[in-house]
N, C-alpha and C. Protein backbone atom coordinates (compact mmCIF):
# COMPACT_ATOMS: atom_id res chain seq x y z
N ALA A 1 165.80 -26.56 -8.94
CA ALA A 1 165.12 -25.79 -9.75
C ALA A 1 165.87 -24.50 -10.13
N ARG A 2 165.68 -24.20 -11.48
CA ARG A 2 166.25 -22.74 -11.81
C ARG A 2 165.07 -21.93 -12.29
N GLY A 3 165.07 -20.67 -11.76
CA GLY A 3 163.97 -19.83 -12.41
C GLY A 3 164.41 -18.44 -12.70
N TYR A 4 163.66 -17.80 -13.66
CA TYR A 4 163.92 -16.51 -14.01
C TYR A 4 163.25 -15.62 -13.08
N LYS A 5 163.95 -14.49 -12.56
CA LYS A 5 163.49 -13.71 -11.35
C LYS A 5 162.17 -13.16 -11.55
N THR A 6 161.69 -12.81 -12.73
CA THR A 6 160.36 -12.24 -13.01
C THR A 6 159.48 -13.30 -13.75
N GLY A 7 159.94 -14.40 -13.76
CA GLY A 7 159.03 -15.46 -14.45
C GLY A 7 158.05 -16.19 -13.48
N GLY A 8 157.27 -17.22 -14.05
CA GLY A 8 156.20 -17.88 -13.24
C GLY A 8 156.75 -18.48 -11.98
N LEU A 9 158.11 -18.77 -11.89
CA LEU A 9 158.59 -19.39 -10.62
C LEU A 9 159.19 -18.39 -9.60
N LYS A 10 158.99 -17.13 -9.88
CA LYS A 10 159.67 -16.18 -9.04
C LYS A 10 159.13 -16.32 -7.70
N ASP A 11 157.88 -16.65 -7.35
CA ASP A 11 157.52 -16.79 -5.97
C ASP A 11 157.76 -18.09 -5.26
N THR A 12 158.26 -19.06 -6.01
CA THR A 12 158.46 -20.39 -5.31
C THR A 12 159.93 -20.78 -5.55
N VAL A 13 160.64 -20.10 -6.26
CA VAL A 13 162.20 -20.45 -6.32
C VAL A 13 162.98 -19.43 -5.75
N HIS A 14 163.60 -19.85 -4.73
CA HIS A 14 164.48 -18.89 -3.91
C HIS A 14 166.00 -19.21 -3.97
N GLU A 15 166.94 -18.17 -4.14
CA GLU A 15 168.31 -18.50 -4.39
C GLU A 15 168.86 -19.32 -3.12
N TRP A 16 169.61 -20.39 -3.45
CA TRP A 16 170.27 -21.17 -2.39
C TRP A 16 171.39 -20.40 -1.76
N ARG A 17 171.43 -20.48 -0.48
CA ARG A 17 172.56 -19.78 0.25
C ARG A 17 173.11 -20.79 1.22
N GLY A 18 174.22 -21.47 0.78
CA GLY A 18 174.74 -22.46 1.51
C GLY A 18 175.35 -22.06 2.95
N ASP A 19 175.56 -20.93 3.24
CA ASP A 19 176.25 -20.42 4.37
C ASP A 19 175.24 -20.46 5.56
N VAL A 20 173.84 -20.36 5.17
CA VAL A 20 172.83 -20.30 6.21
C VAL A 20 171.98 -21.57 5.86
N ALA A 21 172.14 -22.22 4.84
CA ALA A 21 171.18 -23.45 4.47
C ALA A 21 169.78 -22.89 4.27
N GLU A 22 169.80 -21.96 3.48
CA GLU A 22 168.33 -21.50 3.15
C GLU A 22 168.16 -21.24 1.50
N GLY A 23 166.96 -21.49 1.10
CA GLY A 23 166.64 -21.40 -0.26
C GLY A 23 166.27 -22.75 -0.90
N ASN A 24 165.92 -22.79 -2.17
CA ASN A 24 165.53 -23.97 -2.66
C ASN A 24 166.03 -24.17 -4.25
N GLY A 25 166.73 -23.27 -4.73
CA GLY A 25 167.24 -23.36 -6.10
C GLY A 25 168.07 -22.24 -6.48
N PHE A 26 167.94 -21.99 -7.84
CA PHE A 26 169.08 -20.91 -8.34
C PHE A 26 168.32 -20.07 -9.36
N THR A 27 168.40 -18.71 -9.14
CA THR A 27 167.72 -17.71 -10.04
C THR A 27 168.66 -17.01 -10.78
N PHE A 28 168.14 -16.38 -11.88
CA PHE A 28 169.02 -15.40 -12.64
C PHE A 28 168.16 -14.15 -12.87
N ASP A 29 168.82 -13.01 -12.70
CA ASP A 29 168.06 -11.72 -12.70
C ASP A 29 167.77 -11.24 -14.15
N THR A 30 168.51 -11.48 -15.04
CA THR A 30 168.18 -11.06 -16.40
C THR A 30 167.90 -12.13 -17.45
N TYR A 31 167.18 -12.07 -18.32
CA TYR A 31 166.77 -12.96 -19.27
C TYR A 31 167.93 -13.10 -20.35
N SER A 32 169.05 -13.42 -19.96
CA SER A 32 170.18 -13.61 -20.83
C SER A 32 170.94 -15.02 -20.66
N HIS A 33 171.70 -15.23 -21.76
CA HIS A 33 172.50 -16.62 -21.82
C HIS A 33 173.45 -16.52 -20.78
N GLY A 34 174.08 -15.38 -20.42
CA GLY A 34 175.18 -15.45 -19.45
C GLY A 34 174.68 -15.55 -18.12
N ASP A 35 173.56 -15.03 -17.65
CA ASP A 35 172.92 -15.30 -16.37
C ASP A 35 172.48 -16.65 -16.11
N LEU A 36 171.96 -17.23 -17.42
CA LEU A 36 171.41 -18.56 -17.25
C LEU A 36 172.65 -19.60 -16.93
N VAL A 37 173.74 -19.32 -17.68
CA VAL A 37 174.95 -20.24 -17.48
C VAL A 37 175.39 -20.04 -16.13
N TRP A 38 175.43 -18.79 -15.61
CA TRP A 38 176.00 -18.56 -14.22
C TRP A 38 175.26 -19.33 -13.22
N ALA A 39 173.86 -19.31 -13.40
CA ALA A 39 172.95 -20.06 -12.47
C ALA A 39 173.12 -21.54 -12.54
N VAL A 40 173.53 -22.06 -13.81
CA VAL A 40 173.73 -23.49 -13.90
C VAL A 40 175.05 -23.90 -13.36
N LYS A 41 175.96 -23.00 -13.47
CA LYS A 41 177.27 -23.15 -12.71
C LYS A 41 177.16 -23.31 -11.32
N ARG A 42 176.36 -22.43 -10.79
CA ARG A 42 176.14 -22.42 -9.25
C ARG A 42 175.45 -23.73 -8.81
N ALA A 43 174.54 -24.17 -9.60
CA ALA A 43 173.86 -25.40 -9.31
C ALA A 43 174.81 -26.60 -9.45
N LEU A 44 175.68 -26.62 -10.31
CA LEU A 44 176.73 -27.74 -10.64
C LEU A 44 177.72 -27.78 -9.41
N ARG A 45 177.98 -26.64 -8.98
CA ARG A 45 178.94 -26.60 -7.69
C ARG A 45 178.30 -27.18 -6.58
N VAL A 46 177.04 -26.93 -6.25
CA VAL A 46 176.37 -27.49 -5.31
C VAL A 46 176.15 -29.04 -5.44
N PHE A 47 175.74 -29.53 -6.57
CA PHE A 47 175.48 -30.84 -6.81
C PHE A 47 176.86 -31.61 -6.67
N ALA A 48 177.91 -30.98 -6.84
CA ALA A 48 179.17 -31.75 -6.74
C ALA A 48 179.56 -32.02 -5.26
N SER A 49 178.85 -31.34 -4.34
CA SER A 49 179.14 -31.43 -2.92
C SER A 49 178.10 -32.15 -2.20
N GLY A 50 178.29 -33.28 -1.99
CA GLY A 50 177.27 -34.31 -1.47
C GLY A 50 176.55 -33.71 -0.31
N GLU A 51 177.30 -33.22 0.68
CA GLU A 51 176.59 -32.72 1.95
C GLU A 51 175.83 -31.49 1.75
N GLU A 52 176.36 -30.51 0.86
CA GLU A 52 175.51 -29.39 0.67
C GLU A 52 174.31 -29.68 -0.21
N TYR A 53 174.53 -30.61 -1.17
CA TYR A 53 173.40 -30.98 -1.92
C TYR A 53 172.19 -31.62 -1.10
N GLU A 54 172.58 -32.32 -0.21
CA GLU A 54 171.54 -33.00 0.78
C GLU A 54 170.84 -31.85 1.59
N GLU A 55 171.72 -30.75 1.98
CA GLU A 55 171.00 -29.65 2.69
C GLU A 55 169.99 -28.93 1.74
N LEU A 56 170.48 -28.77 0.45
CA LEU A 56 169.60 -28.12 -0.45
C LEU A 56 168.30 -28.95 -0.68
N ARG A 57 168.41 -30.21 -0.86
CA ARG A 57 167.34 -31.10 -1.11
C ARG A 57 166.34 -31.03 0.15
N ALA A 58 166.94 -31.00 1.38
CA ALA A 58 166.01 -30.90 2.63
C ALA A 58 165.30 -29.54 2.66
N SER A 59 166.07 -28.41 2.27
CA SER A 59 165.31 -26.96 2.34
C SER A 59 164.34 -27.02 1.27
N ALA A 60 164.57 -27.45 0.10
CA ALA A 60 163.62 -27.50 -1.02
C ALA A 60 162.36 -28.25 -0.66
N TYR A 61 162.41 -29.29 -0.10
CA TYR A 61 161.47 -30.28 0.42
C TYR A 61 160.46 -29.40 1.39
N GLU A 62 161.08 -28.64 2.27
CA GLU A 62 160.24 -27.93 3.27
C GLU A 62 159.46 -26.78 2.57
N THR A 63 159.92 -26.32 1.35
CA THR A 63 159.25 -25.20 0.66
C THR A 63 158.27 -25.70 -0.36
N THR A 64 157.98 -27.03 -0.51
CA THR A 64 157.15 -27.37 -1.56
C THR A 64 155.72 -26.98 -1.17
N ILE A 65 154.84 -26.86 -2.13
CA ILE A 65 153.61 -26.25 -1.99
C ILE A 65 152.52 -27.28 -2.72
N ASP A 66 151.35 -27.31 -2.13
CA ASP A 66 150.28 -28.34 -2.70
C ASP A 66 149.89 -27.83 -4.15
N VAL A 67 150.08 -28.74 -5.07
CA VAL A 67 149.66 -28.37 -6.50
C VAL A 67 148.19 -28.08 -6.69
N SER A 68 147.41 -28.53 -5.82
CA SER A 68 146.01 -28.11 -5.87
C SER A 68 145.78 -26.49 -5.62
N GLN A 69 146.67 -26.02 -4.68
CA GLN A 69 146.72 -24.56 -4.65
C GLN A 69 147.01 -23.83 -5.72
N VAL A 70 147.99 -24.23 -6.40
CA VAL A 70 148.51 -23.61 -7.67
C VAL A 70 147.30 -23.78 -8.75
N ALA A 71 146.75 -24.83 -8.90
CA ALA A 71 145.66 -25.17 -9.77
C ALA A 71 144.49 -24.22 -9.59
N TRP A 72 144.21 -24.16 -8.30
CA TRP A 72 143.04 -23.21 -7.86
C TRP A 72 143.33 -21.79 -8.21
N ALA A 73 144.59 -21.39 -7.95
CA ALA A 73 144.96 -19.85 -8.44
C ALA A 73 144.75 -19.63 -9.75
N TRP A 74 145.32 -20.52 -10.62
CA TRP A 74 145.26 -20.35 -11.92
C TRP A 74 143.74 -20.44 -12.53
N SER A 75 143.08 -21.55 -12.03
CA SER A 75 141.68 -21.65 -12.51
C SER A 75 140.98 -20.39 -12.15
N SER A 76 140.99 -19.97 -10.90
CA SER A 76 140.15 -18.67 -10.63
C SER A 76 140.53 -17.49 -11.41
N GLU A 77 141.82 -17.48 -11.78
CA GLU A 77 142.33 -16.26 -12.73
C GLU A 77 141.73 -16.47 -14.11
N PHE A 78 141.66 -17.67 -14.72
CA PHE A 78 141.14 -17.99 -15.94
C PHE A 78 139.68 -17.58 -15.94
N HIS A 79 138.99 -17.91 -14.86
CA HIS A 79 137.56 -17.62 -14.69
C HIS A 79 137.28 -16.02 -14.80
N ARG A 80 138.27 -15.39 -14.07
CA ARG A 80 138.03 -13.83 -14.09
C ARG A 80 138.29 -13.27 -15.37
N LEU A 81 139.29 -13.84 -16.11
CA LEU A 81 139.63 -13.29 -17.49
C LEU A 81 138.33 -13.59 -18.43
N ARG A 82 137.74 -14.67 -18.17
CA ARG A 82 136.48 -14.95 -19.04
C ARG A 82 135.25 -14.50 -18.48
N ASN A 83 135.33 -13.58 -17.29
CA ASN A 83 134.13 -12.92 -16.85
C ASN A 83 133.08 -13.96 -16.35
N ALA A 84 133.57 -15.08 -15.70
CA ALA A 84 132.73 -16.10 -15.19
C ALA A 84 133.05 -16.20 -13.72
N MET A 85 131.87 -16.70 -13.07
CA MET A 85 131.95 -16.87 -11.60
C MET A 85 132.70 -18.25 -11.21
N TYR A 86 133.73 -18.01 -10.58
CA TYR A 86 134.46 -19.27 -10.14
C TYR A 86 134.00 -19.77 -8.77
N THR A 87 133.62 -21.13 -8.70
CA THR A 87 133.06 -21.66 -7.52
C THR A 87 133.90 -23.02 -7.28
N ARG A 88 133.93 -23.22 -5.97
CA ARG A 88 134.59 -24.45 -5.44
C ARG A 88 133.57 -25.32 -4.87
N THR A 89 133.25 -26.54 -5.45
CA THR A 89 132.17 -27.31 -5.06
C THR A 89 132.13 -27.69 -3.58
N ASP A 90 133.32 -27.98 -3.13
CA ASP A 90 133.37 -28.25 -1.61
C ASP A 90 132.95 -27.21 -0.77
N THR A 91 133.53 -25.93 -1.08
CA THR A 91 133.05 -24.77 -0.36
C THR A 91 131.53 -24.45 -0.38
N VAL A 92 131.08 -24.46 -1.65
CA VAL A 92 129.68 -24.29 -1.75
C VAL A 92 128.75 -25.34 -1.23
N SER A 93 129.09 -26.51 -1.07
CA SER A 93 128.41 -27.61 -0.40
C SER A 93 128.28 -27.38 1.08
N GLN A 94 129.60 -26.96 1.51
CA GLN A 94 129.66 -26.60 3.05
C GLN A 94 128.68 -25.45 3.42
N LEU A 95 128.75 -24.35 2.57
CA LEU A 95 127.88 -23.25 2.80
C LEU A 95 126.46 -23.60 2.82
N ILE A 96 125.99 -24.37 1.72
CA ILE A 96 124.64 -24.70 1.67
C ILE A 96 124.14 -25.55 2.88
N SER A 97 124.99 -26.46 3.34
CA SER A 97 124.64 -27.33 4.36
C SER A 97 124.50 -26.69 5.65
N SER A 98 125.37 -25.56 5.84
CA SER A 98 125.38 -24.77 7.11
C SER A 98 124.27 -23.77 7.15
N THR A 99 123.62 -23.42 5.90
CA THR A 99 122.69 -22.52 5.92
C THR A 99 121.18 -23.06 5.77
N VAL A 100 121.14 -24.07 5.10
CA VAL A 100 119.85 -24.58 4.63
C VAL A 100 119.56 -26.05 5.11
N ASP A 101 120.52 -26.52 6.09
CA ASP A 101 120.37 -27.75 6.50
C ASP A 101 118.82 -28.09 7.13
N GLU A 102 118.15 -29.11 6.63
CA GLU A 102 116.82 -29.30 7.11
C GLU A 102 116.79 -29.49 8.69
N ARG A 103 117.90 -29.88 9.19
CA ARG A 103 118.04 -30.12 10.72
C ARG A 103 118.30 -28.84 11.43
N SER A 104 118.48 -27.83 10.59
CA SER A 104 118.95 -26.51 11.25
C SER A 104 117.73 -25.71 11.67
N GLU A 105 117.78 -24.78 12.70
CA GLU A 105 116.65 -23.93 13.08
C GLU A 105 116.38 -22.86 11.93
N MET A 106 117.27 -22.69 11.16
CA MET A 106 117.19 -21.67 10.19
C MET A 106 116.40 -22.14 8.91
N TYR A 107 116.36 -23.52 8.76
CA TYR A 107 115.50 -24.10 7.74
C TYR A 107 114.06 -23.89 7.87
N ASP A 108 113.40 -23.34 6.68
CA ASP A 108 112.00 -23.21 6.68
C ASP A 108 111.52 -24.07 5.53
N SER A 109 110.59 -25.14 5.88
CA SER A 109 110.13 -26.09 4.80
C SER A 109 109.16 -25.31 3.89
N ARG A 110 108.62 -24.04 4.28
CA ARG A 110 107.63 -23.42 3.42
C ARG A 110 108.47 -22.53 2.40
N SER A 111 109.86 -22.47 2.55
CA SER A 111 110.54 -21.50 1.64
C SER A 111 110.39 -21.91 0.14
N VAL A 112 110.48 -20.85 -0.57
CA VAL A 112 110.30 -21.19 -2.11
C VAL A 112 111.53 -20.41 -2.83
N PRO A 113 111.82 -20.99 -3.99
CA PRO A 113 112.88 -20.24 -4.86
C PRO A 113 112.27 -19.03 -5.34
N VAL A 114 113.12 -17.88 -5.27
CA VAL A 114 112.70 -16.56 -5.75
C VAL A 114 113.87 -15.98 -6.54
N ARG A 115 113.65 -15.52 -7.85
CA ARG A 115 114.66 -14.94 -8.56
C ARG A 115 114.74 -13.47 -8.29
N VAL A 116 115.92 -12.95 -7.98
CA VAL A 116 116.23 -11.66 -7.70
C VAL A 116 117.13 -11.05 -8.94
N ALA A 117 116.77 -9.91 -9.50
CA ALA A 117 117.40 -9.59 -10.73
C ALA A 117 117.68 -8.03 -10.75
N TRP A 118 118.77 -7.74 -11.33
CA TRP A 118 119.15 -6.33 -11.45
C TRP A 118 119.43 -6.07 -13.01
N HIS A 119 118.83 -5.12 -13.55
CA HIS A 119 119.01 -4.75 -15.02
C HIS A 119 119.54 -3.33 -15.02
N GLY A 120 120.81 -3.13 -15.37
CA GLY A 120 121.37 -1.67 -15.30
C GLY A 120 122.79 -1.78 -15.58
N LYS A 121 123.41 -0.70 -15.43
CA LYS A 121 124.88 -0.71 -15.60
C LYS A 121 125.58 -1.06 -14.43
N GLY A 122 126.73 -1.65 -14.40
CA GLY A 122 127.50 -2.08 -13.29
C GLY A 122 128.27 -3.32 -13.72
N GLU A 123 129.37 -3.64 -13.06
CA GLU A 123 130.23 -4.73 -13.21
C GLU A 123 130.13 -5.81 -12.00
N LYS A 124 129.78 -5.17 -10.92
CA LYS A 124 129.68 -6.03 -9.71
C LYS A 124 128.40 -5.84 -8.96
N VAL A 125 127.53 -6.71 -8.79
CA VAL A 125 126.22 -6.47 -8.15
C VAL A 125 126.03 -7.55 -7.00
N ILE A 126 125.74 -7.01 -5.97
CA ILE A 126 125.38 -7.99 -4.78
C ILE A 126 124.03 -7.40 -4.16
N VAL A 127 123.33 -8.31 -3.46
CA VAL A 127 122.07 -7.87 -2.77
C VAL A 127 122.11 -8.21 -1.28
N MET A 128 121.48 -7.35 -0.43
CA MET A 128 121.34 -7.66 0.89
C MET A 128 119.89 -7.45 1.33
N GLY A 129 119.38 -8.21 2.34
CA GLY A 129 117.95 -7.96 2.62
C GLY A 129 117.66 -8.41 3.92
N SER A 130 116.39 -8.23 4.32
CA SER A 130 115.83 -8.57 5.68
C SER A 130 115.60 -10.13 5.73
N PHE A 131 115.68 -10.76 4.69
CA PHE A 131 115.31 -12.33 4.64
C PHE A 131 116.55 -13.03 5.54
N ASP A 132 117.66 -12.42 5.62
CA ASP A 132 118.52 -12.97 6.62
C ASP A 132 118.98 -11.94 7.48
N ASN A 133 118.21 -10.94 7.85
CA ASN A 133 118.39 -9.91 8.87
C ASN A 133 119.58 -8.91 8.31
N TRP A 134 119.89 -8.83 7.11
CA TRP A 134 120.86 -8.05 6.53
C TRP A 134 122.24 -8.41 6.96
N THR A 135 122.38 -9.75 7.10
CA THR A 135 123.83 -10.13 7.69
C THR A 135 124.77 -10.56 6.56
N SER A 136 124.18 -10.96 5.32
CA SER A 136 125.17 -11.47 4.21
C SER A 136 124.95 -10.67 2.92
N GLU A 137 126.15 -10.61 2.31
CA GLU A 137 126.06 -10.01 0.90
C GLU A 137 126.01 -11.13 -0.11
N TRP A 138 125.03 -11.16 -0.89
CA TRP A 138 124.77 -12.26 -1.83
C TRP A 138 125.16 -11.61 -3.28
N PRO A 139 126.24 -12.26 -3.96
CA PRO A 139 126.50 -11.82 -5.27
C PRO A 139 125.62 -12.33 -6.40
N LEU A 140 125.22 -11.51 -7.27
CA LEU A 140 124.42 -11.85 -8.47
C LEU A 140 125.35 -12.20 -9.62
N LEU A 141 124.88 -13.23 -10.33
CA LEU A 141 125.60 -13.75 -11.45
C LEU A 141 125.22 -12.84 -12.78
N ARG A 142 126.21 -12.44 -13.53
CA ARG A 142 125.84 -11.78 -14.90
C ARG A 142 125.34 -12.75 -15.86
N VAL A 143 124.13 -12.62 -16.39
CA VAL A 143 123.65 -13.59 -17.36
C VAL A 143 123.48 -13.12 -18.66
N SER A 144 123.56 -11.62 -18.93
CA SER A 144 123.62 -11.18 -20.29
C SER A 144 124.19 -9.71 -20.29
N ASP A 145 124.62 -9.32 -21.42
CA ASP A 145 124.99 -7.86 -21.64
C ASP A 145 124.04 -7.32 -22.78
N ASP A 146 123.76 -5.96 -22.47
CA ASP A 146 122.95 -5.08 -23.38
C ASP A 146 121.47 -5.90 -23.63
N GLY A 147 121.14 -6.72 -22.59
CA GLY A 147 119.95 -7.43 -22.82
C GLY A 147 118.67 -6.72 -22.59
N ALA A 148 118.83 -5.66 -21.67
CA ALA A 148 117.67 -4.88 -21.45
C ALA A 148 117.54 -3.47 -22.18
N GLY A 149 118.65 -3.02 -22.58
CA GLY A 149 118.53 -1.63 -23.15
C GLY A 149 119.05 -1.65 -24.64
N GLY A 150 119.39 -2.82 -25.25
CA GLY A 150 119.77 -2.75 -26.59
C GLY A 150 121.31 -2.70 -26.80
N ALA A 151 121.80 -2.96 -27.95
CA ALA A 151 123.23 -2.95 -28.09
C ALA A 151 123.93 -1.69 -27.92
N GLY A 152 125.08 -1.71 -27.10
CA GLY A 152 125.83 -0.48 -26.94
C GLY A 152 125.41 0.43 -25.78
N THR A 153 124.36 -0.07 -25.01
CA THR A 153 123.88 0.79 -23.92
C THR A 153 124.71 0.61 -22.66
N GLY A 154 125.40 -0.48 -22.60
CA GLY A 154 126.12 -0.72 -21.41
C GLY A 154 125.38 -1.39 -20.20
N VAL A 155 123.99 -1.69 -20.71
CA VAL A 155 123.08 -2.29 -19.64
C VAL A 155 123.31 -3.77 -19.59
N ALA A 156 123.30 -4.31 -18.38
CA ALA A 156 123.55 -5.78 -18.12
C ALA A 156 122.51 -6.44 -17.26
N ALA A 157 122.44 -7.69 -17.34
CA ALA A 157 121.37 -8.39 -16.51
C ALA A 157 122.12 -9.32 -15.50
N PHE A 158 121.75 -9.17 -14.23
CA PHE A 158 122.36 -10.00 -13.21
C PHE A 158 121.18 -10.73 -12.51
N GLU A 159 121.30 -11.99 -12.03
CA GLU A 159 120.37 -12.72 -11.36
C GLU A 159 120.99 -13.53 -10.28
N LEU A 160 120.04 -13.84 -9.30
CA LEU A 160 120.28 -14.73 -8.22
C LEU A 160 119.10 -15.41 -7.74
N LYS A 161 119.24 -16.67 -7.46
CA LYS A 161 118.07 -17.33 -6.96
C LYS A 161 118.17 -17.65 -5.40
N LEU A 162 117.21 -17.17 -4.66
CA LEU A 162 117.17 -17.51 -3.16
C LEU A 162 116.06 -18.27 -2.76
N ARG A 163 116.08 -18.93 -1.66
CA ARG A 163 115.00 -19.63 -1.10
C ARG A 163 114.54 -18.71 0.07
N LEU A 164 113.38 -18.19 -0.09
CA LEU A 164 112.78 -17.34 0.81
C LEU A 164 111.50 -17.79 1.64
N SER A 165 111.43 -17.46 2.82
CA SER A 165 110.26 -17.82 3.57
C SER A 165 108.92 -16.91 3.21
N PRO A 166 107.73 -17.44 3.29
CA PRO A 166 106.65 -16.56 2.95
C PRO A 166 106.63 -15.28 3.81
N GLY A 167 106.15 -14.08 3.13
CA GLY A 167 106.12 -12.90 3.90
C GLY A 167 106.83 -11.82 2.94
N GLU A 168 106.92 -10.59 3.56
CA GLU A 168 107.36 -9.42 2.87
C GLU A 168 108.84 -9.30 3.22
N HIS A 169 109.72 -8.98 2.26
CA HIS A 169 111.24 -8.85 2.45
C HIS A 169 111.59 -7.59 1.85
N ALA A 170 112.47 -6.88 2.58
CA ALA A 170 113.03 -5.58 2.09
C ALA A 170 114.48 -6.03 1.55
N TYR A 171 114.82 -5.42 0.51
CA TYR A 171 116.19 -5.70 -0.06
C TYR A 171 116.85 -4.48 -0.63
N LYS A 172 118.08 -4.43 -0.88
CA LYS A 172 118.71 -3.45 -1.61
C LYS A 172 120.05 -3.96 -2.48
N PHE A 173 120.15 -3.23 -3.49
CA PHE A 173 121.34 -3.77 -4.40
C PHE A 173 122.60 -2.90 -4.10
N LYS A 174 123.65 -3.46 -4.16
CA LYS A 174 125.01 -2.77 -4.10
C LYS A 174 125.58 -2.86 -5.46
N VAL A 175 125.81 -1.93 -6.27
CA VAL A 175 126.33 -1.84 -7.63
C VAL A 175 127.59 -1.27 -7.50
N ASP A 176 128.69 -1.95 -7.85
CA ASP A 176 129.97 -1.27 -7.87
C ASP A 176 130.28 -0.45 -6.66
N ASP A 177 130.00 -1.08 -5.42
CA ASP A 177 130.22 -0.58 -4.20
C ASP A 177 129.28 0.71 -3.82
N GLU A 178 128.22 0.80 -4.50
CA GLU A 178 127.15 1.96 -4.28
C GLU A 178 125.87 1.42 -4.11
N TRP A 179 125.16 1.77 -2.94
CA TRP A 179 123.90 1.30 -2.61
C TRP A 179 122.81 1.88 -3.52
N ILE A 180 122.04 0.93 -4.22
CA ILE A 180 121.05 1.64 -5.03
C ILE A 180 119.73 0.83 -4.98
N VAL A 181 118.57 1.41 -5.13
CA VAL A 181 117.27 0.71 -5.32
C VAL A 181 116.92 0.57 -6.81
N ALA A 182 116.35 -0.49 -7.09
CA ALA A 182 115.90 -0.70 -8.56
C ALA A 182 114.67 0.01 -8.80
N ASP A 183 114.63 0.97 -9.72
CA ASP A 183 113.50 1.69 -10.22
C ASP A 183 112.45 0.78 -10.72
N ASP A 184 112.81 -0.32 -11.29
CA ASP A 184 111.86 -1.24 -12.02
C ASP A 184 111.23 -2.19 -11.07
N GLN A 185 111.44 -2.08 -9.84
CA GLN A 185 110.98 -3.06 -8.88
C GLN A 185 110.21 -2.25 -7.73
N PRO A 186 109.17 -2.83 -7.06
CA PRO A 186 108.52 -2.25 -5.98
C PRO A 186 109.38 -1.82 -4.86
N LYS A 187 109.16 -0.57 -4.32
CA LYS A 187 110.07 0.03 -3.32
C LYS A 187 109.13 0.63 -2.25
N ARG A 188 109.71 0.82 -1.11
CA ARG A 188 108.90 1.32 0.11
C ARG A 188 109.98 2.09 0.91
N GLU A 189 109.54 3.19 1.54
CA GLU A 189 110.30 3.84 2.65
C GLU A 189 109.91 3.47 3.98
N ASP A 190 110.95 3.11 4.66
CA ASP A 190 110.65 2.57 6.11
C ASP A 190 110.51 3.70 7.10
N ALA A 191 110.30 3.30 8.35
CA ALA A 191 110.15 4.33 9.37
C ALA A 191 111.19 5.20 9.62
N SER A 192 112.37 4.76 9.18
CA SER A 192 113.63 5.65 9.33
C SER A 192 113.85 6.66 8.09
N GLY A 193 113.01 6.49 7.19
CA GLY A 193 113.20 7.26 5.98
C GLY A 193 113.98 6.64 4.89
N ILE A 194 114.49 5.37 5.07
CA ILE A 194 115.25 4.63 4.13
C ILE A 194 114.40 3.95 3.12
N THR A 195 114.67 4.10 1.81
CA THR A 195 113.95 3.41 0.89
C THR A 195 114.53 2.14 0.41
N ASN A 196 113.92 1.06 0.44
CA ASN A 196 114.39 -0.30 -0.04
C ASN A 196 113.46 -0.78 -1.03
N ASN A 197 113.84 -1.78 -1.88
CA ASN A 197 113.02 -2.55 -2.60
C ASN A 197 112.31 -3.51 -1.83
N VAL A 198 111.04 -3.97 -2.17
CA VAL A 198 110.31 -4.88 -1.36
C VAL A 198 109.75 -6.03 -2.39
N LEU A 199 109.68 -7.30 -1.79
CA LEU A 199 109.03 -8.35 -2.48
C LEU A 199 108.20 -9.14 -1.47
N VAL A 200 107.19 -9.79 -2.01
CA VAL A 200 106.26 -10.50 -1.19
C VAL A 200 106.14 -11.84 -1.72
N VAL A 201 106.61 -12.88 -0.85
CA VAL A 201 106.67 -14.22 -1.27
C VAL A 201 105.21 -14.96 -0.73
C-alpha cells in the first residue's frame, strides 16, 4: 500500500524498512508528483526482489486491522457530527441483560418506566440517583432544541427513561460537568444539607 503521510492511511501505513523487516508499505511526506513517484519506485524495487517482497507481505499481514473496528470508528464520528447518540446493539443488550435480567437479584418485577427530563442550557446531560445507590452516570438524549424557551434561547430538552422500583428516589443532574438541581422539579435538602431533586414512584 502507498499512503500520503497526513492522509486517511497515515495511522495504518508505515514505511517499509528492509534492513529490519518492519513496516507494511510506502509513504510520501508531501502531496506532490515527485514524492509519489519516489514512493512508487521504492515499492517497485521491493517487488522486484522476491525474498524481500515476501518479508514485506508477512509484515503487512501482521499489521492488518479488523474492518469492523474502522467502520465503528467512522460511524461513531458521523453520529457525533450529526449530534446523534451512537449505540452498539451488542453492547446495549449486554448491559441490559446484566442490569435488569429477571433472574438477577437486582431485578424488581414491580419496577415501572419513568421519564427523567432536563429542560435548560447545556450540551451534555447525565443523571445520577439513589435508585442505583449513586453508582452510575446515565446519559440523557437530546430530544429538541429551543423547545422550552422559544427560538434563540439556547434551551434544549433532554430525556431518559428508567425502570424504577416503587418508592422515593433522590437524583441530580450533571450538565456540562457541573452538578445542578432542576428548579422545575421537586427538590429536598437531605440531612447533610445537600439539595437533590426527588421523585416518588
